[in-house]
């Protein structure tokens, strides 16, 4: 699935950082990391979920809505200028203020000329201990889709979306050859080392499975470091369409991961494992039910 006029090889950049209490410092730190990725040849760079601030959804606090900004706000403008300057595509996660009382966990796709190629709003919203996102975010309402960029057709999903095969499938069926997952996931205090290992392994396995089942590259950019009661486990990675992990960052240290992806692998693996060809689309209607039995 090679985009006409695009190179066979594409370098992806993933930015894995620890967030501070100072949003302006986080913006500067992230901008420096994007420049570092571009200097290493990355044409497409993905940032971690809600990168501008610490992960604020560990508590329900209405004052934290003040951290949101419009999708056309100063952060979007700053990074659109950066994308244009560097000539690279940026995936820019945002705490989006859509209207008074309506907020989303979103990601802009900024094309290499600084224009907006797409805006994805997180569809699956968790409500777990220290992940009280239903308090802050309205569910996305623009569905699952891929967007055309200067370097090819890509899809963006966000964190909790990682666990849902339907989201990956629908985005791949819209023509995405790479699925990006900006992420903020980590360990809670009090869990055993064995449980922590199992959780991270399940996270990696689920996304490698999306790559295999859909014949696409999967790239996840997670944050790292301790914030309040969460230890984010980093481990940002890129997997190829066979689920092979091409590169993975540390679970403790900041990283700018630049990975060379051979786009011919999409076509190759879909020929060898023609899962999309053999789908029984006539038999899947019950997937629209909450529970079948």
C-alpha atoms as a PDB file:
ATOM      1  CA  UNK A   1       0.000   0.000   0.000  1.00  0.00           C
ATOM      2  CA  UNK A   2       2.471   2.571  -1.188  1.00  0.00           C
ATOM      3  CA  UNK A   3       1.163   6.107  -1.513  1.00  0.00           C
ATOM      4  CA  UNK A   4       1.861   7.361  -5.059  1.00  0.00           C
ATOM      5  CA  UNK A   5       5.020   9.439  -5.110  1.00  0.00           C
ATOM      6  CA  UNK A   6       5.998   8.487  -1.557  1.00  0.00           C
ATOM      7  CA  UNK A   7       9.315   6.817  -0.696  1.00  0.00           C
ATOM      8  CA  UNK A   8       9.528   3.118   0.037  1.00  0.00           C
ATOM      9  CA  UNK A   9      11.187   3.924   3.347  1.00  0.00           C
ATOM     10  CA  UNK A  10       9.681   6.290   5.905  1.00  0.00           C
ATOM     11  CA  UNK A  11      11.272   7.363   9.167  1.00  0.00           C
ATOM     12  CA  UNK A  12       8.842   7.749  12.063  1.00  0.00           C
ATOM     13  CA  UNK A  13       9.621   9.680  15.228  1.00  0.00           C
ATOM     14  CA  UNK A  14       8.087   9.006  18.651  1.00  0.00           C
ATOM     15  CA  UNK A  15       8.598  11.487  21.490  1.00  0.00           C
ATOM     16  CA  UNK A  16       8.573  10.007  25.018  1.00  0.00           C
ATOM     17  CA  UNK A  17       8.995  12.616  27.750  1.00  0.00           C
ATOM     18  CA  UNK A  18       8.376  13.241  31.436  1.00  0.00           C
ATOM     19  CA  UNK A  19       5.983  16.131  32.014  1.00  0.00           C
ATOM     20  CA  UNK A  20       6.584  18.933  34.509  1.00  0.00           C
ATOM     21  CA  UNK A  21       4.139  21.231  36.291  1.00  0.00           C
ATOM     22  CA  UNK A  22       4.984  24.042  33.852  1.00  0.00           C
ATOM     23  CA  UNK A  23       3.073  23.819  30.528  1.00  0.00           C
ATOM     24  CA  UNK A  24       5.389  26.286  28.823  1.00  0.00           C
ATOM     25  CA  UNK A  25       8.427  24.253  29.820  1.00  0.00           C
ATOM     26  CA  UNK A  26       6.715  21.117  28.496  1.00  0.00           C
ATOM     27  CA  UNK A  27       6.033  22.835  25.172  1.00  0.00           C
ATOM     28  CA  UNK A  28       9.659  23.902  24.847  1.00  0.00           C
ATOM     29  CA  UNK A  29      10.970  20.472  25.868  1.00  0.00           C
ATOM     30  CA  UNK A  30       8.676  18.807  23.341  1.00  0.00           C
ATOM     31  CA  UNK A  31       9.588  21.227  20.566  1.00  0.00           C
ATOM     32  CA  UNK A  32      13.275  20.463  21.169  1.00  0.00           C
ATOM     33  CA  UNK A  33      12.513  16.731  20.953  1.00  0.00           C
ATOM     34  CA  UNK A  34      10.638  17.170  17.662  1.00  0.00           C
ATOM     35  CA  UNK A  35      13.615  19.044  16.259  1.00  0.00           C
ATOM     36  CA  UNK A  36      15.870  16.221  17.400  1.00  0.00           C
ATOM     37  CA  UNK A  37      13.673  13.645  15.632  1.00  0.00           C
ATOM     38  CA  UNK A  38      13.621  15.699  12.442  1.00  0.00           C
ATOM     39  CA  UNK A  39      17.399  16.093  12.565  1.00  0.00           C
ATOM     40  CA  UNK A  40      17.602  12.280  12.580  1.00  0.00           C
ATOM     41  CA  UNK A  41      15.483  12.138   9.439  1.00  0.00           C
ATOM     42  CA  UNK A  42      11.976  11.667  10.844  1.00  0.00           C
ATOM     43  CA  UNK A  43       9.305  12.828   8.396  1.00  0.00           C
ATOM     44  CA  UNK A  44       6.400  12.004  10.701  1.00  0.00           C
ATOM     45  CA  UNK A  45       6.535  12.624  14.467  1.00  0.00           C
ATOM     46  CA  UNK A  46       4.007  11.594  17.119  1.00  0.00           C
ATOM     47  CA  UNK A  47       3.796  13.137  20.606  1.00  0.00           C
ATOM     48  CA  UNK A  48       2.420  11.515  23.753  1.00  0.00           C
ATOM     49  CA  UNK A  49      -1.168  11.964  24.915  1.00  0.00           C
ATOM     50  CA  UNK A  50      -1.946  15.309  26.622  1.00  0.00           C
ATOM     51  CA  UNK A  51       1.763  16.206  26.402  1.00  0.00           C
ATOM     52  CA  UNK A  52       1.348  19.882  27.318  1.00  0.00           C
ATOM     53  CA  UNK A  53       0.597  19.162  31.002  1.00  0.00           C
ATOM     54  CA  UNK A  54       0.916  16.486  33.602  1.00  0.00           C
ATOM     55  CA  UNK A  55      -1.807  13.831  33.450  1.00  0.00           C
ATOM     56  CA  UNK A  56      -4.511  15.757  35.284  1.00  0.00           C
ATOM     57  CA  UNK A  57      -7.297  13.132  35.220  1.00  0.00           C
ATOM     58  CA  UNK A  58      -6.044  11.382  38.365  1.00  0.00           C
ATOM     59  CA  UNK A  59      -8.623  13.421  40.296  1.00  0.00           C
ATOM     60  CA  UNK A  60     -11.953  15.050  39.473  1.00  0.00           C
ATOM     61  CA  UNK A  61     -11.346  18.782  39.756  1.00  0.00           C
ATOM     62  CA  UNK A  62     -13.417  21.285  37.753  1.00  0.00           C
ATOM     63  CA  UNK A  63     -10.600  23.860  37.874  1.00  0.00           C
ATOM     64  CA  UNK A  64      -8.548  21.594  35.630  1.00  0.00           C
ATOM     65  CA  UNK A  65     -10.879  22.356  32.744  1.00  0.00           C
ATOM     66  CA  UNK A  66      -8.937  25.612  32.545  1.00  0.00           C
ATOM     67  CA  UNK A  67      -6.054  23.618  31.040  1.00  0.00           C
ATOM     68  CA  UNK A  68      -8.048  23.076  27.827  1.00  0.00           C
ATOM     69  CA  UNK A  69      -7.689  25.164  24.682  1.00  0.00           C
ATOM     70  CA  UNK A  70      -9.309  25.233  21.233  1.00  0.00           C
ATOM     71  CA  UNK A  71      -8.019  23.038  18.420  1.00  0.00           C
ATOM     72  CA  UNK A  72      -6.991  26.283  16.716  1.00  0.00           C
ATOM     73  CA  UNK A  73      -5.375  27.693  19.856  1.00  0.00           C
ATOM     74  CA  UNK A  74      -1.798  28.726  20.659  1.00  0.00           C
ATOM     75  CA  UNK A  75      -0.401  25.191  20.982  1.00  0.00           C
ATOM     76  CA  UNK A  76      -1.790  24.191  17.590  1.00  0.00           C
ATOM     77  CA  UNK A  77      -0.464  27.388  16.011  1.00  0.00           C
ATOM     78  CA  UNK A  78       2.994  26.956  17.523  1.00  0.00           C
ATOM     79  CA  UNK A  79       3.382  23.387  16.324  1.00  0.00           C
ATOM     80  CA  UNK A  80       1.854  24.115  12.914  1.00  0.00           C
ATOM     81  CA  UNK A  81       4.670  26.620  12.449  1.00  0.00           C
ATOM     82  CA  UNK A  82       7.157  23.983  13.594  1.00  0.00           C
ATOM     83  CA  UNK A  83       5.773  21.406  11.153  1.00  0.00           C
ATOM     84  CA  UNK A  84       6.070  23.920   8.329  1.00  0.00           C
ATOM     85  CA  UNK A  85       9.598  24.902   9.334  1.00  0.00           C
ATOM     86  CA  UNK A  86      10.825  21.294   9.558  1.00  0.00           C
ATOM     87  CA  UNK A  87       8.757  19.978   6.647  1.00  0.00           C
ATOM     88  CA  UNK A  88       7.472  17.054   8.690  1.00  0.00           C
ATOM     89  CA  UNK A  89       4.026  15.775   9.689  1.00  0.00           C
ATOM     90  CA  UNK A  90       3.176  16.132  13.394  1.00  0.00           C
ATOM     91  CA  UNK A  91       0.597  14.296  15.492  1.00  0.00           C
ATOM     92  CA  UNK A  92      -0.330  16.781  18.191  1.00  0.00           C
ATOM     93  CA  UNK A  93      -2.475  15.581  21.127  1.00  0.00           C
ATOM     94  CA  UNK A  94      -4.604  18.253  22.815  1.00  0.00           C
ATOM     95  CA  UNK A  95      -6.996  18.794  25.696  1.00  0.00           C
ATOM     96  CA  UNK A  96      -9.532  20.391  23.388  1.00  0.00           C
ATOM     97  CA  UNK A  97     -12.052  23.012  24.476  1.00  0.00           C
ATOM     98  CA  UNK A  98     -14.758  22.628  21.844  1.00  0.00           C
ATOM     99  CA  UNK A  99     -17.383  24.793  23.553  1.00  0.00           C
ATOM    100  CA  UNK A 100     -18.258  25.836  27.101  1.00  0.00           C
ATOM    101  CA  UNK A 101     -18.742  22.560  28.976  1.00  0.00           C
ATOM    102  CA  UNK A 102     -17.718  20.399  25.996  1.00  0.00           C
ATOM    103  CA  UNK A 103     -14.157  19.099  26.079  1.00  0.00           C
ATOM    104  CA  UNK A 104     -12.356  16.338  24.205  1.00  0.00           C
ATOM    105  CA  UNK A 105      -9.159  14.335  24.395  1.00  0.00           C
ATOM    106  CA  UNK A 106      -8.040  15.030  20.834  1.00  0.00           C
ATOM    107  CA  UNK A 107      -5.162  14.816  18.386  1.00  0.00           C
ATOM    108  CA  UNK A 108      -4.463  17.092  15.447  1.00  0.00           C
ATOM    109  CA  UNK A 109      -2.646  15.813  12.391  1.00  0.00           C
ATOM    110  CA  UNK A 110      -0.551  18.723  11.139  1.00  0.00           C
ATOM    111  CA  UNK A 111       0.721  18.265   7.603  1.00  0.00           C
ATOM    112  CA  UNK A 112       4.246  19.105   6.491  1.00  0.00           C
ATOM    113  CA  UNK A 113       3.116  22.535   5.269  1.00  0.00           C
ATOM    114  CA  UNK A 114       1.565  23.379   8.647  1.00  0.00           C
ATOM    115  CA  UNK A 115      -2.027  22.862   7.528  1.00  0.00           C
ATOM    116  CA  UNK A 116      -4.458  20.697   9.482  1.00  0.00           C
ATOM    117  CA  UNK A 117      -4.917  17.329   7.781  1.00  0.00           C
ATOM    118  CA  UNK A 118      -7.302  15.944  10.392  1.00  0.00           C
ATOM    119  CA  UNK A 119      -8.649  16.114  13.950  1.00  0.00           C
ATOM    120  CA  UNK A 120      -9.366  12.905  15.859  1.00  0.00           C
ATOM    121  CA  UNK A 121     -11.331  12.930  19.107  1.00  0.00           C
ATOM    122  CA  UNK A 122     -10.819   9.984  21.442  1.00  0.00           C
ATOM    123  CA  UNK A 123     -13.763   7.622  21.100  1.00  0.00           C
ATOM    124  CA  UNK A 124     -13.300   5.259  24.057  1.00  0.00           C
ATOM    125  CA  UNK A 125     -13.195   7.146  27.361  1.00  0.00           C
ATOM    126  CA  UNK A 126     -12.011   5.232  30.458  1.00  0.00           C
ATOM    127  CA  UNK A 127     -13.165   5.561  34.048  1.00  0.00           C
ATOM    128  CA  UNK A 128     -10.705   3.625  36.188  1.00  0.00           C
ATOM    129  CA  UNK A 129      -8.780   4.348  39.391  1.00  0.00           C
ATOM    130  CA  UNK A 130      -6.618   7.435  38.684  1.00  0.00           C
ATOM    131  CA  UNK A 131      -7.960   7.596  35.099  1.00  0.00           C
ATOM    132  CA  UNK A 132     -11.153   9.596  35.649  1.00  0.00           C
ATOM    133  CA  UNK A 133     -11.471  10.699  32.048  1.00  0.00           C
ATOM    134  CA  UNK A 134     -15.262  10.521  31.827  1.00  0.00           C
ATOM    135  CA  UNK A 135     -15.352  13.534  34.143  1.00  0.00           C
ATOM    136  CA  UNK A 136     -13.301  15.599  31.668  1.00  0.00           C
ATOM    137  CA  UNK A 137     -13.905  14.333  28.155  1.00  0.00           C
ATOM    138  CA  UNK A 138     -16.943  13.959  25.926  1.00  0.00           C
ATOM    139  CA  UNK A 139     -16.629  10.873  23.695  1.00  0.00           C
ATOM    140  CA  UNK A 140     -15.446  11.606  20.179  1.00  0.00           C
ATOM    141  CA  UNK A 141     -18.162  11.997  17.567  1.00  0.00           C
ATOM    142  CA  UNK A 142     -16.260  11.992  14.285  1.00  0.00           C
ATOM    143  CA  UNK A 143     -15.632   8.258  14.162  1.00  0.00           C
ATOM    144  CA  UNK A 144     -12.616   6.256  13.043  1.00  0.00           C
ATOM    145  CA  UNK A 145     -10.861   7.429   9.908  1.00  0.00           C
ATOM    146  CA  UNK A 146      -7.554   7.856   8.105  1.00  0.00           C
ATOM    147  CA  UNK A 147      -6.117  11.066   6.686  1.00  0.00           C
ATOM    148  CA  UNK A 148      -3.866  11.824   3.745  1.00  0.00           C
ATOM    149  CA  UNK A 149      -0.608  13.586   4.549  1.00  0.00           C
ATOM    150  CA  UNK A 150       2.526  14.542   2.671  1.00  0.00           C
ATOM    151  CA  UNK A 151       4.074  11.198   3.665  1.00  0.00           C
ATOM    152  CA  UNK A 152       1.092   8.886   3.217  1.00  0.00           C
ATOM    153  CA  UNK A 153      -2.266   7.903   4.647  1.00  0.00           C
ATOM    154  CA  UNK A 154      -2.284   7.436   8.421  1.00  0.00           C
ATOM    155  CA  UNK A 155      -4.713   6.908  11.265  1.00  0.00           C
ATOM    156  CA  UNK A 156      -4.670   8.215  14.838  1.00  0.00           C
ATOM    157  CA  UNK A 157      -6.291   6.639  17.877  1.00  0.00           C
ATOM    158  CA  UNK A 158      -5.647   7.580  21.520  1.00  0.00           C
ATOM    159  CA  UNK A 159      -4.606   5.472  24.528  1.00  0.00           C
ATOM    160  CA  UNK A 160      -7.727   3.571  25.729  1.00  0.00           C
ATOM    161  CA  UNK A 161      -8.621   3.082  22.059  1.00  0.00           C
ATOM    162  CA  UNK A 162      -5.595   0.736  22.001  1.00  0.00           C
ATOM    163  CA  UNK A 163      -7.563  -2.110  23.496  1.00  0.00           C
ATOM    164  CA  UNK A 164     -10.390  -2.167  20.949  1.00  0.00           C
ATOM    165  CA  UNK A 165      -9.864  -4.209  17.761  1.00  0.00           C
ATOM    166  CA  UNK A 166     -12.859  -2.546  16.124  1.00  0.00           C
ATOM    167  CA  UNK A 167     -11.138   0.859  16.241  1.00  0.00           C
ATOM    168  CA  UNK A 168      -7.967  -0.446  14.627  1.00  0.00           C
ATOM    169  CA  UNK A 169      -9.914  -2.386  11.995  1.00  0.00           C
ATOM    170  CA  UNK A 170     -12.119   0.507  10.924  1.00  0.00           C
ATOM    171  CA  UNK A 171      -9.163   2.883  10.703  1.00  0.00           C
ATOM    172  CA  UNK A 172      -7.203   0.371   8.649  1.00  0.00           C
ATOM    173  CA  UNK A 173     -10.221  -0.189   6.389  1.00  0.00           C
ATOM    174  CA  UNK A 174     -10.189   3.540   5.696  1.00  0.00           C
ATOM    175  CA  UNK A 175      -6.770   3.128   4.144  1.00  0.00           C
ATOM    176  CA  UNK A 176      -4.338   3.827   6.986  1.00  0.00           C
ATOM    177  CA  UNK A 177      -0.961   2.147   6.541  1.00  0.00           C
ATOM    178  CA  UNK A 178       0.227   3.302   9.980  1.00  0.00           C
ATOM    179  CA  UNK A 179      -1.815   3.470  13.191  1.00  0.00           C
ATOM    180  CA  UNK A 180      -0.545   5.937  15.794  1.00  0.00           C
ATOM    181  CA  UNK A 181      -1.491   5.742  19.467  1.00  0.00           C
ATOM    182  CA  UNK A 182      -0.548   8.776  21.581  1.00  0.00           C
ATOM    183  CA  UNK A 183      -0.643   7.339  25.100  1.00  0.00           C
ATOM    184  CA  UNK A 184      -0.526   8.033  28.841  1.00  0.00           C
ATOM    185  CA  UNK A 185      -0.506   4.679  30.606  1.00  0.00           C
ATOM    186  CA  UNK A 186       1.337   3.523  33.692  1.00  0.00           C
ATOM    187  CA  UNK A 187       1.402   1.565  36.914  1.00  0.00           C
ATOM    188  CA  UNK A 188      -0.599   2.323  40.046  1.00  0.00           C
ATOM    189  CA  UNK A 189       1.065   2.215  43.439  1.00  0.00           C
ATOM    190  CA  UNK A 190       0.745  -1.033  45.364  1.00  0.00           C
ATOM    191  CA  UNK A 191       0.784  -3.528  42.495  1.00  0.00           C
ATOM    192  CA  UNK A 192       3.297  -6.374  42.436  1.00  0.00           C
ATOM    193  CA  UNK A 193       6.160  -6.487  39.972  1.00  0.00           C
ATOM    194  CA  UNK A 194       4.546  -9.528  38.352  1.00  0.00           C
ATOM    195  CA  UNK A 195       1.255  -7.682  37.847  1.00  0.00           C
ATOM    196  CA  UNK A 196       3.030  -4.639  36.458  1.00  0.00           C
ATOM    197  CA  UNK A 197       4.950  -6.793  34.002  1.00  0.00           C
ATOM    198  CA  UNK A 198       1.743  -8.556  32.930  1.00  0.00           C
ATOM    199  CA  UNK A 199      -0.065  -5.264  32.325  1.00  0.00           C
ATOM    200  CA  UNK A 200       2.673  -3.815  30.165  1.00  0.00           C
ATOM    201  CA  UNK A 201       3.033  -7.079  28.257  1.00  0.00           C
ATOM    202  CA  UNK A 202      -0.730  -7.142  27.563  1.00  0.00           C
ATOM    203  CA  UNK A 203      -0.540  -3.535  26.318  1.00  0.00           C
ATOM    204  CA  UNK A 204       2.239  -4.395  23.899  1.00  0.00           C
ATOM    205  CA  UNK A 205       0.614  -7.662  22.793  1.00  0.00           C
ATOM    206  CA  UNK A 206      -2.758  -6.054  22.038  1.00  0.00           C
ATOM    207  CA  UNK A 207      -1.200  -3.471  19.753  1.00  0.00           C
ATOM    208  CA  UNK A 208       1.105  -5.937  18.007  1.00  0.00           C
ATOM    209  CA  UNK A 209      -2.047  -7.931  17.313  1.00  0.00           C
ATOM    210  CA  UNK A 210      -3.628  -4.866  15.655  1.00  0.00           C
ATOM    211  CA  UNK A 211      -0.591  -4.610  13.399  1.00  0.00           C
ATOM    212  CA  UNK A 212      -0.820  -8.284  12.417  1.00  0.00           C
ATOM    213  CA  UNK A 213      -4.580  -8.500  11.988  1.00  0.00           C
ATOM    214  CA  UNK A 214      -4.723  -5.385   9.812  1.00  0.00           C
ATOM    215  CA  UNK A 215      -1.398  -5.562   7.997  1.00  0.00           C
ATOM    216  CA  UNK A 216      -0.281  -2.117   9.164  1.00  0.00           C
ATOM    217  CA  UNK A 217       2.500  -0.482  11.144  1.00  0.00           C
ATOM    218  CA  UNK A 218       1.576   0.433  14.714  1.00  0.00           C
ATOM    219  CA  UNK A 219       3.369   3.189  16.620  1.00  0.00           C
ATOM    220  CA  UNK A 220       2.656   4.077  20.258  1.00  0.00           C
ATOM    221  CA  UNK A 221       4.152   7.139  22.005  1.00  0.00           C
ATOM    222  CA  UNK A 222       3.759   6.889  25.777  1.00  0.00           C
ATOM    223  CA  UNK A 223       4.828   9.312  28.488  1.00  0.00           C
ATOM    224  CA  UNK A 224       7.360   8.353  31.159  1.00  0.00           C
ATOM    225  CA  UNK A 225       8.124   9.340  34.733  1.00  0.00           C
ATOM    226  CA  UNK A 226       6.210   9.631  37.982  1.00  0.00           C
ATOM    227  CA  UNK A 227       3.197  11.944  38.288  1.00  0.00           C
ATOM    228  CA  UNK A 228       1.281  12.005  41.566  1.00  0.00           C
ATOM    229  CA  UNK A 229       0.271   8.338  42.087  1.00  0.00           C
ATOM    230  CA  UNK A 230       1.114   6.993  38.630  1.00  0.00           C
ATOM    231  CA  UNK A 231       4.419   5.698  37.285  1.00  0.00           C
ATOM    232  CA  UNK A 232       4.153   5.946  33.506  1.00  0.00           C
ATOM    233  CA  UNK A 233       5.917   3.039  31.846  1.00  0.00           C
ATOM    234  CA  UNK A 234       7.170   4.640  28.635  1.00  0.00           C
ATOM    235  CA  UNK A 235       8.125   1.725  26.359  1.00  0.00           C
ATOM    236  CA  UNK A 236       7.119   3.639  23.226  1.00  0.00           C
ATOM    237  CA  UNK A 237       7.507   1.362  20.230  1.00  0.00           C
ATOM    238  CA  UNK A 238       6.964   0.727  16.538  1.00  0.00           C
ATOM    239  CA  UNK A 239       5.761  -2.662  15.266  1.00  0.00           C
ATOM    240  CA  UNK A 240       5.690  -3.713  11.627  1.00  0.00           C
ATOM    241  CA  UNK A 241       2.735  -5.439   9.866  1.00  0.00           C
ATOM    242  CA  UNK A 242       3.973  -8.827  11.110  1.00  0.00           C
ATOM    243  CA  UNK A 243       3.938  -7.588  14.705  1.00  0.00           C
ATOM    244  CA  UNK A 244       7.728  -7.450  14.883  1.00  0.00           C
ATOM    245  CA  UNK A 245       8.846  -4.708  17.276  1.00  0.00           C
ATOM    246  CA  UNK A 246      11.310  -2.649  15.255  1.00  0.00           C
ATOM    247  CA  UNK A 247      12.364  -0.442  18.170  1.00  0.00           C
ATOM    248  CA  UNK A 248      11.253   0.210  21.742  1.00  0.00           C
ATOM    249  CA  UNK A 249      12.172   2.874  24.276  1.00  0.00           C
ATOM    250  CA  UNK A 250      13.003   2.428  27.945  1.00  0.00           C
ATOM    251  CA  UNK A 251      10.295   2.143  30.585  1.00  0.00           C
ATOM    252  CA  UNK A 252      12.131   4.697  32.761  1.00  0.00           C
ATOM    253  CA  UNK A 253      13.995   7.206  30.604  1.00  0.00           C
ATOM    254  CA  UNK A 254      12.980   9.908  28.163  1.00  0.00           C
ATOM    255  CA  UNK A 255      13.565   9.045  24.535  1.00  0.00           C
ATOM    256  CA  UNK A 256      13.279  10.300  20.980  1.00  0.00           C
ATOM    257  CA  UNK A 257      12.755   7.149  18.973  1.00  0.00           C
ATOM    258  CA  UNK A 258      13.351   7.360  15.206  1.00  0.00           C
ATOM    259  CA  UNK A 259      12.485   4.208  13.285  1.00  0.00           C
ATOM    260  CA  UNK A 260      12.951   3.396   9.607  1.00  0.00           C
ATOM    261  CA  UNK A 261       9.848   1.641   8.220  1.00  0.00           C
ATOM    262  CA  UNK A 262       9.784  -0.242   4.912  1.00  0.00           C
ATOM    263  CA  UNK A 263       6.358   0.587   3.537  1.00  0.00           C
ATOM    264  CA  UNK A 264       6.484  -2.409   1.177  1.00  0.00           C
ATOM    265  CA  UNK A 265       5.829  -4.594   4.224  1.00  0.00           C
ATOM    266  CA  UNK A 266       2.152  -3.565   4.186  1.00  0.00           C
ATOM    267  CA  UNK A 267       1.580  -4.987   0.710  1.00  0.00           C
ATOM    268  CA  UNK A 268       3.820  -7.992   1.362  1.00  0.00           C
ATOM    269  CA  UNK A 269       2.109  -9.097   4.570  1.00  0.00           C
ATOM    270  CA  UNK A 270      -1.397  -8.502   3.251  1.00  0.00           C
ATOM    271  CA  UNK A 271      -0.587 -10.840   0.350  1.00  0.00           C
ATOM    272  CA  UNK A 272       0.844 -13.514   2.628  1.00  0.00           C
ATOM    273  CA  UNK A 273      -1.842 -13.183   5.311  1.00  0.00           C
ATOM    274  CA  UNK A 274      -4.931 -11.927   3.430  1.00  0.00           C
ATOM    275  CA  UNK A 275      -7.096 -11.297   6.476  1.00  0.00           C
ATOM    276  CA  UNK A 276      -8.886  -8.370   4.845  1.00  0.00           C
ATOM    277  CA  UNK A 277      -9.710 -10.498   1.791  1.00  0.00           C
ATOM    278  CA  UNK A 278     -11.172 -13.328   3.871  1.00  0.00           C
ATOM    279  CA  UNK A 279     -13.343 -11.279   6.211  1.00  0.00           C
ATOM    280  CA  UNK A 280     -16.956 -12.521   6.324  1.00  0.00           C
ATOM    281  CA  UNK A 281     -18.605  -9.131   6.245  1.00  0.00           C
ATOM    282  CA  UNK A 282     -21.973 -10.819   5.763  1.00  0.00           C
ATOM    283  CA  UNK A 283     -21.701 -12.509   9.177  1.00  0.00           C
ATOM    284  CA  UNK A 284     -20.588  -9.728  11.536  1.00  0.00           C
ATOM    285  CA  UNK A 285     -23.838  -7.849  12.092  1.00  0.00           C
ATOM    286  CA  UNK A 286     -24.051  -8.877  15.749  1.00  0.00           C
ATOM    287  CA  UNK A 287     -20.944  -6.845  16.506  1.00  0.00           C
ATOM    288  CA  UNK A 288     -23.317  -3.884  16.717  1.00  0.00           C
ATOM    289  CA  UNK A 289     -24.979  -5.422  19.790  1.00  0.00           C
ATOM    290  CA  UNK A 290     -23.712  -4.596  23.291  1.00  0.00           C
ATOM    291  CA  UNK A 291     -23.708  -8.291  24.171  1.00  0.00           C
ATOM    292  CA  UNK A 292     -24.894 -11.098  21.958  1.00  0.00           C
ATOM    293  CA  UNK A 293     -26.277 -13.734  24.311  1.00  0.00           C
END
